[in-house]
N, C-alpha and C. Protein backbone atom coordinates (compact mmCIF):
# COMPACT_ATOMS: atom_id res chain seq x y z
N MET A 1 18.16 -6.38 -20.12
CA MET A 1 16.99 -5.58 -19.90
C MET A 1 17.31 -4.13 -20.27
N SER A 2 16.46 -3.50 -21.06
CA SER A 2 16.70 -2.12 -21.49
C SER A 2 16.35 -1.15 -20.36
N ASN A 3 16.80 0.11 -20.51
CA ASN A 3 16.47 1.13 -19.51
C ASN A 3 14.98 1.35 -19.42
N THR A 4 14.27 1.29 -20.55
CA THR A 4 12.83 1.45 -20.55
C THR A 4 12.17 0.36 -19.72
N ASP A 5 12.59 -0.90 -19.91
CA ASP A 5 12.03 -2.00 -19.13
C ASP A 5 12.32 -1.81 -17.65
N MET A 6 13.52 -1.34 -17.32
CA MET A 6 13.90 -1.15 -15.93
C MET A 6 13.06 -0.05 -15.29
N ASN A 7 12.76 1.01 -16.07
CA ASN A 7 11.94 2.09 -15.53
C ASN A 7 10.51 1.67 -15.28
N MET A 8 10.05 0.63 -15.95
CA MET A 8 8.69 0.14 -15.78
C MET A 8 8.59 -0.79 -14.58
N ARG A 9 9.70 -1.21 -14.06
CA ARG A 9 9.74 -2.15 -12.95
C ARG A 9 10.16 -1.41 -11.68
N GLY A 10 9.87 -2.03 -10.59
CA GLY A 10 10.31 -1.46 -9.33
C GLY A 10 11.54 -2.18 -8.83
N LYS A 11 12.28 -1.51 -7.96
CA LYS A 11 13.44 -2.13 -7.35
C LYS A 11 13.60 -1.56 -5.94
N ILE A 12 13.62 -2.46 -4.97
CA ILE A 12 13.80 -2.07 -3.58
C ILE A 12 14.90 -2.95 -2.98
N ILE A 13 15.76 -2.35 -2.18
CA ILE A 13 16.86 -3.09 -1.54
C ILE A 13 16.70 -2.93 -0.02
N PHE A 14 16.61 -4.05 0.66
CA PHE A 14 16.48 -4.07 2.12
C PHE A 14 17.85 -4.34 2.73
N TYR A 15 18.12 -3.69 3.87
CA TYR A 15 19.39 -3.85 4.59
C TYR A 15 19.09 -4.29 6.02
N GLU A 16 19.96 -5.15 6.55
CA GLU A 16 19.78 -5.65 7.91
C GLU A 16 19.86 -4.56 8.97
N GLU A 17 20.74 -3.61 8.76
CA GLU A 17 20.99 -2.58 9.76
C GLU A 17 20.50 -1.21 9.29
N LYS A 18 20.42 -0.29 10.22
CA LYS A 18 20.10 1.10 9.90
C LYS A 18 21.19 1.67 9.00
N ASN A 19 20.86 2.73 8.29
CA ASN A 19 21.81 3.46 7.44
C ASN A 19 22.43 2.58 6.35
N PHE A 20 21.67 1.64 5.84
CA PHE A 20 22.06 0.82 4.69
C PHE A 20 23.30 -0.02 4.96
N GLN A 21 23.41 -0.51 6.16
CA GLN A 21 24.56 -1.32 6.56
C GLN A 21 24.15 -2.80 6.67
N GLY A 22 25.14 -3.65 6.69
CA GLY A 22 24.91 -5.08 6.84
C GLY A 22 24.52 -5.75 5.53
N ARG A 23 24.12 -6.99 5.64
CA ARG A 23 23.70 -7.73 4.44
C ARG A 23 22.49 -7.06 3.80
N SER A 24 22.33 -7.30 2.50
CA SER A 24 21.20 -6.70 1.79
C SER A 24 20.45 -7.77 0.99
N TYR A 25 19.23 -7.42 0.63
CA TYR A 25 18.38 -8.29 -0.19
C TYR A 25 17.62 -7.40 -1.16
N GLU A 26 17.69 -7.73 -2.43
CA GLU A 26 17.10 -6.93 -3.51
C GLU A 26 15.83 -7.58 -4.03
N CYS A 27 14.76 -6.78 -4.20
CA CYS A 27 13.50 -7.27 -4.77
C CYS A 27 13.13 -6.43 -5.98
N MET A 28 12.68 -7.10 -7.02
CA MET A 28 12.19 -6.39 -8.21
C MET A 28 10.75 -6.78 -8.51
N ASN A 29 10.13 -7.49 -7.58
CA ASN A 29 8.72 -7.85 -7.70
C ASN A 29 8.22 -8.23 -6.30
N ASP A 30 7.10 -8.92 -6.22
CA ASP A 30 6.54 -9.29 -4.92
C ASP A 30 7.43 -10.30 -4.21
N CYS A 31 7.48 -10.18 -2.89
CA CYS A 31 8.23 -11.13 -2.06
C CYS A 31 7.40 -11.40 -0.81
N SER A 32 6.93 -12.63 -0.66
CA SER A 32 6.04 -12.98 0.45
C SER A 32 6.78 -13.25 1.75
N ASP A 33 8.12 -13.44 1.70
CA ASP A 33 8.87 -13.76 2.92
C ASP A 33 10.30 -13.25 2.82
N ILE A 34 10.50 -12.02 3.20
CA ILE A 34 11.84 -11.43 3.18
C ILE A 34 12.71 -12.05 4.26
N SER A 35 12.09 -12.49 5.35
CA SER A 35 12.87 -13.03 6.48
C SER A 35 13.58 -14.33 6.12
N SER A 36 13.22 -14.97 5.01
CA SER A 36 13.96 -16.16 4.58
C SER A 36 15.33 -15.77 4.00
N SER A 37 15.49 -14.49 3.63
CA SER A 37 16.77 -14.01 3.09
C SER A 37 17.53 -13.11 4.06
N LEU A 38 16.81 -12.39 4.91
CA LEU A 38 17.43 -11.51 5.90
C LEU A 38 16.78 -11.77 7.25
N SER A 39 17.59 -11.85 8.29
CA SER A 39 17.03 -12.10 9.62
C SER A 39 16.23 -10.90 10.12
N ARG A 40 16.59 -9.72 9.68
CA ARG A 40 15.84 -8.51 10.01
C ARG A 40 16.11 -7.47 8.93
N SER A 41 15.31 -6.43 8.91
CA SER A 41 15.48 -5.35 7.94
C SER A 41 15.17 -4.05 8.65
N GLN A 42 16.17 -3.15 8.70
CA GLN A 42 15.97 -1.89 9.42
C GLN A 42 16.11 -0.65 8.54
N SER A 43 16.52 -0.84 7.29
CA SER A 43 16.59 0.28 6.36
C SER A 43 16.38 -0.26 4.95
N CYS A 44 16.01 0.64 4.04
CA CYS A 44 15.84 0.22 2.64
C CYS A 44 15.98 1.41 1.72
N ARG A 45 16.23 1.08 0.46
CA ARG A 45 16.31 2.05 -0.63
C ARG A 45 15.33 1.61 -1.70
N VAL A 46 14.44 2.51 -2.10
CA VAL A 46 13.57 2.24 -3.24
C VAL A 46 14.21 2.95 -4.42
N GLU A 47 14.82 2.16 -5.32
CA GLU A 47 15.52 2.76 -6.46
C GLU A 47 14.58 3.13 -7.59
N SER A 48 13.49 2.40 -7.73
CA SER A 48 12.47 2.75 -8.73
C SER A 48 11.16 2.11 -8.33
N GLY A 49 10.09 2.74 -8.77
CA GLY A 49 8.76 2.20 -8.51
C GLY A 49 8.22 2.55 -7.15
N CYS A 50 7.11 1.92 -6.83
CA CYS A 50 6.44 2.06 -5.54
C CYS A 50 6.19 0.66 -4.99
N PHE A 51 6.24 0.55 -3.68
CA PHE A 51 6.03 -0.73 -3.01
C PHE A 51 5.13 -0.55 -1.80
N MET A 52 4.36 -1.56 -1.50
CA MET A 52 3.71 -1.69 -0.19
C MET A 52 4.57 -2.68 0.57
N VAL A 53 4.91 -2.33 1.80
CA VAL A 53 5.67 -3.24 2.64
C VAL A 53 4.78 -3.61 3.83
N TYR A 54 4.98 -4.81 4.33
CA TYR A 54 4.11 -5.37 5.37
C TYR A 54 4.97 -5.86 6.53
N ASP A 55 4.43 -5.77 7.75
CA ASP A 55 5.20 -6.21 8.91
C ASP A 55 4.96 -7.68 9.25
N ARG A 56 4.26 -8.40 8.36
CA ARG A 56 4.09 -9.84 8.51
C ARG A 56 4.30 -10.51 7.16
N ASN A 57 4.62 -11.79 7.16
CA ASN A 57 4.78 -12.54 5.92
C ASN A 57 3.46 -12.60 5.16
N ASN A 58 3.57 -12.94 3.88
CA ASN A 58 2.40 -13.16 3.02
C ASN A 58 1.48 -11.94 2.92
N TYR A 59 2.08 -10.74 2.91
CA TYR A 59 1.36 -9.50 2.68
C TYR A 59 0.27 -9.25 3.73
N MET A 60 0.58 -9.59 4.96
CA MET A 60 -0.37 -9.42 6.06
C MET A 60 0.17 -8.38 7.04
N GLY A 61 -0.69 -7.97 7.95
CA GLY A 61 -0.29 -7.03 9.00
C GLY A 61 -0.39 -5.59 8.54
N ASN A 62 0.30 -4.73 9.27
CA ASN A 62 0.29 -3.31 8.94
C ASN A 62 1.01 -3.09 7.61
N GLN A 63 0.48 -2.14 6.84
CA GLN A 63 1.01 -1.85 5.51
C GLN A 63 1.57 -0.44 5.49
N TYR A 64 2.64 -0.27 4.71
CA TYR A 64 3.26 1.03 4.57
C TYR A 64 3.60 1.24 3.10
N PHE A 65 3.33 2.44 2.60
CA PHE A 65 3.59 2.79 1.21
C PHE A 65 4.98 3.40 1.11
N MET A 66 5.77 2.90 0.18
CA MET A 66 7.12 3.43 -0.03
C MET A 66 7.32 3.75 -1.50
N LYS A 67 7.73 5.00 -1.76
CA LYS A 67 8.06 5.39 -3.12
C LYS A 67 9.56 5.62 -3.21
N ARG A 68 10.03 5.97 -4.39
CA ARG A 68 11.46 6.15 -4.61
C ARG A 68 12.06 7.04 -3.53
N GLY A 69 13.15 6.55 -2.94
CA GLY A 69 13.81 7.31 -1.89
C GLY A 69 14.61 6.41 -0.97
N GLU A 70 15.23 7.03 0.02
CA GLU A 70 16.05 6.30 0.99
C GLU A 70 15.38 6.36 2.36
N TYR A 71 15.34 5.23 3.00
CA TYR A 71 14.72 5.10 4.32
C TYR A 71 15.79 4.52 5.25
N SER A 72 16.60 5.40 5.84
CA SER A 72 17.77 4.96 6.60
C SER A 72 17.41 4.29 7.93
N ASP A 73 16.24 4.60 8.46
CA ASP A 73 15.77 3.98 9.70
C ASP A 73 14.25 4.04 9.66
N TYR A 74 13.65 3.22 8.81
CA TYR A 74 12.22 3.35 8.59
C TYR A 74 11.39 3.00 9.82
N MET A 75 11.94 2.25 10.73
CA MET A 75 11.17 1.91 11.93
C MET A 75 10.85 3.17 12.75
N SER A 76 11.80 4.06 12.90
CA SER A 76 11.51 5.29 13.64
C SER A 76 10.87 6.34 12.72
N MET A 77 11.23 6.34 11.43
CA MET A 77 10.67 7.32 10.49
C MET A 77 9.17 7.13 10.31
N MET A 78 8.72 5.88 10.30
CA MET A 78 7.32 5.58 9.98
C MET A 78 6.55 5.05 11.18
N GLY A 79 7.18 5.01 12.33
CA GLY A 79 6.49 4.53 13.52
C GLY A 79 6.23 3.04 13.52
N MET A 80 7.02 2.30 12.77
CA MET A 80 6.83 0.84 12.70
C MET A 80 7.34 0.19 13.97
N ARG A 81 6.66 -0.86 14.40
CA ARG A 81 7.08 -1.61 15.58
C ARG A 81 7.79 -2.90 15.20
N GLU A 82 7.59 -3.36 13.99
CA GLU A 82 8.15 -4.63 13.53
C GLU A 82 8.99 -4.41 12.28
N ASN A 83 9.84 -5.36 11.97
CA ASN A 83 10.60 -5.34 10.73
C ASN A 83 9.68 -5.62 9.55
N ILE A 84 10.12 -5.24 8.38
CA ILE A 84 9.38 -5.58 7.17
C ILE A 84 9.59 -7.06 6.90
N LYS A 85 8.49 -7.76 6.65
CA LYS A 85 8.56 -9.20 6.41
C LYS A 85 8.16 -9.59 4.98
N SER A 86 7.41 -8.72 4.28
CA SER A 86 7.03 -9.00 2.89
C SER A 86 6.81 -7.67 2.17
N CYS A 87 6.85 -7.72 0.84
CA CYS A 87 6.62 -6.51 0.06
C CYS A 87 5.91 -6.86 -1.24
N ARG A 88 5.18 -5.90 -1.73
CA ARG A 88 4.45 -6.07 -2.99
C ARG A 88 4.73 -4.85 -3.86
N MET A 89 5.19 -5.11 -5.10
CA MET A 89 5.43 -4.02 -6.03
C MET A 89 4.08 -3.53 -6.58
N ILE A 90 3.93 -2.24 -6.67
CA ILE A 90 2.72 -1.66 -7.23
C ILE A 90 2.99 -1.35 -8.69
N PRO A 91 2.30 -2.03 -9.60
CA PRO A 91 2.58 -1.82 -11.03
C PRO A 91 2.15 -0.44 -11.49
N MET A 92 2.82 0.04 -12.51
CA MET A 92 2.48 1.31 -13.11
C MET A 92 1.10 1.20 -13.76
N HIS A 93 0.31 2.23 -13.60
CA HIS A 93 -1.02 2.26 -14.21
C HIS A 93 -1.17 3.54 -15.03
N ARG A 94 -1.53 3.38 -16.26
CA ARG A 94 -1.83 4.53 -17.12
C ARG A 94 -3.30 4.43 -17.48
N GLY A 95 -3.98 5.51 -17.38
CA GLY A 95 -5.41 5.50 -17.70
C GLY A 95 -6.21 6.04 -16.53
N GLN A 96 -7.51 5.79 -16.61
CA GLN A 96 -8.39 6.34 -15.59
C GLN A 96 -8.38 5.51 -14.31
N PHE A 97 -8.88 6.11 -13.27
CA PHE A 97 -9.03 5.46 -11.97
C PHE A 97 -10.51 5.42 -11.65
N ARG A 98 -10.99 4.24 -11.25
CA ARG A 98 -12.40 4.11 -10.85
C ARG A 98 -12.52 3.10 -9.72
N MET A 99 -13.25 3.52 -8.70
CA MET A 99 -13.52 2.64 -7.57
C MET A 99 -14.90 2.97 -7.03
N LYS A 100 -15.66 1.95 -6.69
CA LYS A 100 -16.97 2.14 -6.08
C LYS A 100 -16.85 1.69 -4.63
N ILE A 101 -17.19 2.61 -3.72
CA ILE A 101 -17.12 2.29 -2.29
C ILE A 101 -18.52 2.07 -1.75
N TYR A 102 -18.62 1.19 -0.74
CA TYR A 102 -19.90 0.83 -0.14
C TYR A 102 -19.82 1.01 1.36
N GLU A 103 -20.93 1.44 1.90
CA GLU A 103 -21.02 1.70 3.34
C GLU A 103 -20.94 0.42 4.17
N ARG A 104 -21.45 -0.68 3.63
CA ARG A 104 -21.49 -1.94 4.39
C ARG A 104 -20.76 -3.06 3.65
N GLU A 105 -20.54 -4.16 4.36
CA GLU A 105 -19.94 -5.34 3.75
C GLU A 105 -20.84 -5.87 2.63
N ASN A 106 -20.25 -6.69 1.76
CA ASN A 106 -20.97 -7.33 0.65
C ASN A 106 -21.70 -6.33 -0.24
N PHE A 107 -21.07 -5.18 -0.43
CA PHE A 107 -21.56 -4.15 -1.34
C PHE A 107 -22.95 -3.64 -0.95
N GLY A 108 -23.18 -3.53 0.35
CA GLY A 108 -24.48 -3.07 0.86
C GLY A 108 -24.45 -1.61 1.27
N GLY A 109 -25.65 -1.08 1.45
CA GLY A 109 -25.81 0.30 1.91
C GLY A 109 -25.52 1.31 0.83
N GLN A 110 -25.31 2.52 1.26
CA GLN A 110 -25.01 3.63 0.37
C GLN A 110 -23.73 3.33 -0.42
N SER A 111 -23.69 3.76 -1.68
CA SER A 111 -22.49 3.56 -2.49
C SER A 111 -22.21 4.80 -3.33
N HIS A 112 -20.92 4.96 -3.68
CA HIS A 112 -20.50 6.08 -4.52
C HIS A 112 -19.34 5.64 -5.38
N GLU A 113 -19.35 6.09 -6.63
CA GLU A 113 -18.24 5.80 -7.53
C GLU A 113 -17.26 6.97 -7.50
N MET A 114 -15.99 6.64 -7.39
CA MET A 114 -14.94 7.65 -7.31
C MET A 114 -14.00 7.52 -8.49
N MET A 115 -13.49 8.66 -8.95
CA MET A 115 -12.48 8.68 -10.01
C MET A 115 -11.27 9.52 -9.61
N ASP A 116 -11.36 10.13 -8.43
CA ASP A 116 -10.23 10.92 -7.94
C ASP A 116 -10.11 10.76 -6.43
N ASP A 117 -9.10 11.37 -5.86
CA ASP A 117 -8.84 11.25 -4.44
C ASP A 117 -10.01 11.81 -3.63
N CYS A 118 -10.20 11.26 -2.44
CA CYS A 118 -11.24 11.74 -1.53
C CYS A 118 -10.61 11.91 -0.16
N GLU A 119 -10.55 13.15 0.32
CA GLU A 119 -9.93 13.44 1.61
C GLU A 119 -10.80 13.03 2.80
N ASN A 120 -12.12 12.98 2.59
CA ASN A 120 -13.00 12.67 3.71
C ASN A 120 -14.36 12.19 3.17
N ILE A 121 -14.65 10.90 3.33
CA ILE A 121 -15.92 10.38 2.79
C ILE A 121 -17.13 10.90 3.56
N GLN A 122 -16.95 11.27 4.83
CA GLN A 122 -18.07 11.83 5.60
C GLN A 122 -18.48 13.18 5.02
N GLU A 123 -17.52 14.02 4.74
CA GLU A 123 -17.83 15.34 4.21
C GLU A 123 -18.32 15.28 2.76
N ARG A 124 -17.67 14.48 1.93
CA ARG A 124 -18.03 14.44 0.51
C ARG A 124 -19.31 13.67 0.24
N TYR A 125 -19.45 12.50 0.85
CA TYR A 125 -20.57 11.62 0.51
C TYR A 125 -21.58 11.41 1.64
N ARG A 126 -21.31 11.98 2.81
CA ARG A 126 -22.16 11.76 3.98
C ARG A 126 -22.21 10.28 4.37
N MET A 127 -21.08 9.60 4.19
CA MET A 127 -20.95 8.19 4.59
C MET A 127 -20.16 8.14 5.90
N SER A 128 -20.63 7.34 6.84
CA SER A 128 -19.93 7.24 8.12
C SER A 128 -18.87 6.14 8.11
N ASP A 129 -18.90 5.28 7.09
CA ASP A 129 -17.99 4.15 7.05
C ASP A 129 -17.90 3.62 5.63
N CYS A 130 -16.83 2.89 5.36
CA CYS A 130 -16.65 2.18 4.09
C CYS A 130 -16.17 0.79 4.46
N GLN A 131 -16.98 -0.24 4.16
CA GLN A 131 -16.64 -1.59 4.58
C GLN A 131 -16.43 -2.56 3.42
N SER A 132 -16.67 -2.10 2.18
CA SER A 132 -16.40 -2.93 1.01
C SER A 132 -16.22 -2.01 -0.20
N CYS A 133 -15.60 -2.55 -1.26
CA CYS A 133 -15.41 -1.73 -2.46
C CYS A 133 -15.15 -2.62 -3.66
N ASN A 134 -15.28 -2.02 -4.83
CA ASN A 134 -14.95 -2.67 -6.09
C ASN A 134 -14.00 -1.72 -6.83
N VAL A 135 -12.75 -2.13 -6.98
CA VAL A 135 -11.77 -1.32 -7.71
C VAL A 135 -11.82 -1.77 -9.16
N MET A 136 -12.30 -0.88 -10.02
CA MET A 136 -12.44 -1.21 -11.43
C MET A 136 -11.19 -0.84 -12.23
N ASP A 137 -10.57 0.30 -11.90
CA ASP A 137 -9.39 0.76 -12.63
C ASP A 137 -8.41 1.42 -11.68
N GLY A 138 -7.14 1.12 -11.85
CA GLY A 138 -6.10 1.77 -11.09
C GLY A 138 -5.80 1.09 -9.77
N HIS A 139 -4.87 1.68 -9.06
CA HIS A 139 -4.43 1.19 -7.75
C HIS A 139 -4.65 2.32 -6.75
N TRP A 140 -5.17 1.97 -5.58
CA TRP A 140 -5.59 2.94 -4.59
C TRP A 140 -5.01 2.63 -3.21
N LEU A 141 -4.90 3.65 -2.38
CA LEU A 141 -4.60 3.50 -0.96
C LEU A 141 -5.82 4.00 -0.19
N MET A 142 -6.25 3.21 0.78
CA MET A 142 -7.36 3.60 1.65
C MET A 142 -6.77 3.86 3.04
N TYR A 143 -7.21 4.94 3.68
CA TYR A 143 -6.68 5.36 4.97
C TYR A 143 -7.79 5.36 6.02
N GLU A 144 -7.41 5.04 7.26
CA GLU A 144 -8.40 4.97 8.33
C GLU A 144 -8.86 6.34 8.82
N GLN A 145 -8.12 7.39 8.53
CA GLN A 145 -8.49 8.73 8.98
C GLN A 145 -8.64 9.66 7.78
N PRO A 146 -9.40 10.73 7.93
CA PRO A 146 -9.48 11.73 6.86
C PRO A 146 -8.10 12.29 6.53
N ASN A 147 -7.99 12.89 5.37
CA ASN A 147 -6.77 13.56 4.91
C ASN A 147 -5.58 12.62 4.78
N PHE A 148 -5.85 11.37 4.41
CA PHE A 148 -4.81 10.38 4.08
C PHE A 148 -3.86 10.14 5.25
N ARG A 149 -4.42 9.87 6.41
CA ARG A 149 -3.63 9.63 7.61
C ARG A 149 -4.03 8.31 8.25
N GLY A 150 -3.16 7.81 9.10
CA GLY A 150 -3.45 6.60 9.85
C GLY A 150 -3.10 5.33 9.08
N LYS A 151 -3.59 4.21 9.57
CA LYS A 151 -3.31 2.94 8.91
C LYS A 151 -3.85 2.98 7.49
N MET A 152 -3.17 2.21 6.62
CA MET A 152 -3.57 2.21 5.22
C MET A 152 -3.69 0.78 4.70
N MET A 153 -4.39 0.68 3.58
CA MET A 153 -4.55 -0.60 2.91
C MET A 153 -4.45 -0.37 1.40
N TYR A 154 -3.64 -1.20 0.75
CA TYR A 154 -3.44 -1.14 -0.70
C TYR A 154 -4.56 -1.91 -1.39
N MET A 155 -5.18 -1.28 -2.38
CA MET A 155 -6.27 -1.89 -3.14
C MET A 155 -5.91 -1.91 -4.62
N ARG A 156 -5.84 -3.11 -5.18
CA ARG A 156 -5.61 -3.23 -6.62
C ARG A 156 -6.93 -3.65 -7.25
N PRO A 157 -7.04 -3.67 -8.58
CA PRO A 157 -8.33 -4.00 -9.19
C PRO A 157 -8.88 -5.34 -8.69
N GLY A 158 -10.16 -5.30 -8.33
CA GLY A 158 -10.85 -6.48 -7.83
C GLY A 158 -11.98 -6.10 -6.90
N GLU A 159 -12.72 -7.11 -6.48
CA GLU A 159 -13.83 -6.92 -5.55
C GLU A 159 -13.38 -7.25 -4.13
N TYR A 160 -13.72 -6.39 -3.20
CA TYR A 160 -13.38 -6.56 -1.80
C TYR A 160 -14.68 -6.52 -1.00
N ARG A 161 -15.22 -7.68 -0.68
CA ARG A 161 -16.54 -7.80 -0.04
C ARG A 161 -16.53 -7.46 1.44
N SER A 162 -15.39 -7.65 2.12
CA SER A 162 -15.36 -7.41 3.56
C SER A 162 -13.94 -7.09 4.00
N PHE A 163 -13.73 -5.84 4.44
CA PHE A 163 -12.41 -5.48 4.95
C PHE A 163 -12.13 -6.21 6.26
N ARG A 164 -13.18 -6.49 7.02
CA ARG A 164 -13.02 -7.22 8.29
C ARG A 164 -12.42 -8.59 8.03
N GLU A 165 -12.90 -9.28 7.00
CA GLU A 165 -12.39 -10.62 6.68
C GLU A 165 -10.98 -10.57 6.10
N MET A 166 -10.54 -9.39 5.71
CA MET A 166 -9.18 -9.22 5.19
C MET A 166 -8.20 -8.88 6.32
N GLY A 167 -8.67 -8.96 7.56
CA GLY A 167 -7.81 -8.67 8.70
C GLY A 167 -7.83 -7.21 9.12
N MET A 168 -8.77 -6.44 8.62
CA MET A 168 -8.86 -5.02 8.97
C MET A 168 -10.07 -4.77 9.87
N SER A 169 -10.31 -5.66 10.79
CA SER A 169 -11.43 -5.55 11.72
C SER A 169 -11.30 -4.32 12.59
N GLY A 170 -12.37 -3.60 12.75
CA GLY A 170 -12.38 -2.43 13.61
C GLY A 170 -11.86 -1.16 12.98
N ILE A 171 -11.39 -1.22 11.74
CA ILE A 171 -10.87 -0.03 11.07
C ILE A 171 -11.94 0.52 10.14
N LYS A 172 -12.19 1.81 10.25
CA LYS A 172 -13.08 2.50 9.32
C LYS A 172 -12.20 3.24 8.33
N PHE A 173 -12.42 3.03 7.07
CA PHE A 173 -11.63 3.75 6.06
C PHE A 173 -12.36 5.04 5.70
N MET A 174 -11.66 6.16 5.88
CA MET A 174 -12.29 7.47 5.76
C MET A 174 -11.75 8.32 4.61
N SER A 175 -10.62 7.92 3.99
CA SER A 175 -10.11 8.68 2.85
C SER A 175 -9.43 7.72 1.88
N MET A 176 -9.43 8.08 0.60
CA MET A 176 -8.89 7.24 -0.46
C MET A 176 -8.02 8.08 -1.40
N LYS A 177 -6.91 7.48 -1.85
CA LYS A 177 -5.98 8.20 -2.72
C LYS A 177 -5.53 7.30 -3.86
N ARG A 178 -5.48 7.84 -5.07
CA ARG A 178 -4.97 7.10 -6.22
C ARG A 178 -3.46 7.01 -6.13
N ILE A 179 -2.90 5.88 -6.55
CA ILE A 179 -1.45 5.75 -6.64
C ILE A 179 -1.07 6.11 -8.07
N MET A 180 -0.46 7.26 -8.22
CA MET A 180 -0.15 7.81 -9.53
C MET A 180 1.21 7.34 -10.03
N ASP A 181 1.49 7.58 -11.28
CA ASP A 181 2.72 7.13 -11.92
C ASP A 181 3.95 7.95 -11.51
N SER A 182 3.81 8.85 -10.56
CA SER A 182 4.94 9.66 -10.14
C SER A 182 6.04 8.82 -9.47
N CYS A 183 5.73 7.57 -9.16
CA CYS A 183 6.72 6.69 -8.54
C CYS A 183 7.78 6.25 -9.55
N TYR A 184 7.48 6.28 -10.81
CA TYR A 184 8.34 5.66 -11.82
C TYR A 184 9.16 6.67 -12.57
């Protein structure tokens, strides 16, 4: 594999113990069950790329965004209560970003098309909630609080008719951010 190919891919290494100690497990793409290789994971290194990590298998549960860097004790650094159980690599995207957000499930109610980050949908669009969306271009993070705070959800291109049915019941998404190529 050439250096160019390696730079286009992500690489994350999970360690059983804090401070990069104990057995390790390396991922260069999506992994639906890290616990089949490591009994627990308390630290990690993202050598290249960006990843979403999840506290449950099969990309479920709470999600956390990780970019290149060292996370010597991510449970205390990020306020996580559980070990990482699965991860998804976020592919590099070049080009425009487009997403249409909807106030209600099944693309109902007020809607707005976005091409850049939005710190607060209430202030910008006068929307009190976002319950569905259509991601046309790029990869996005949606946050439950304004100013990119609180629980988050990774959105890749596709239609999302109901966040509630995706296991995000009771969460209102109030801000959205593009995942830029700065990870690579």
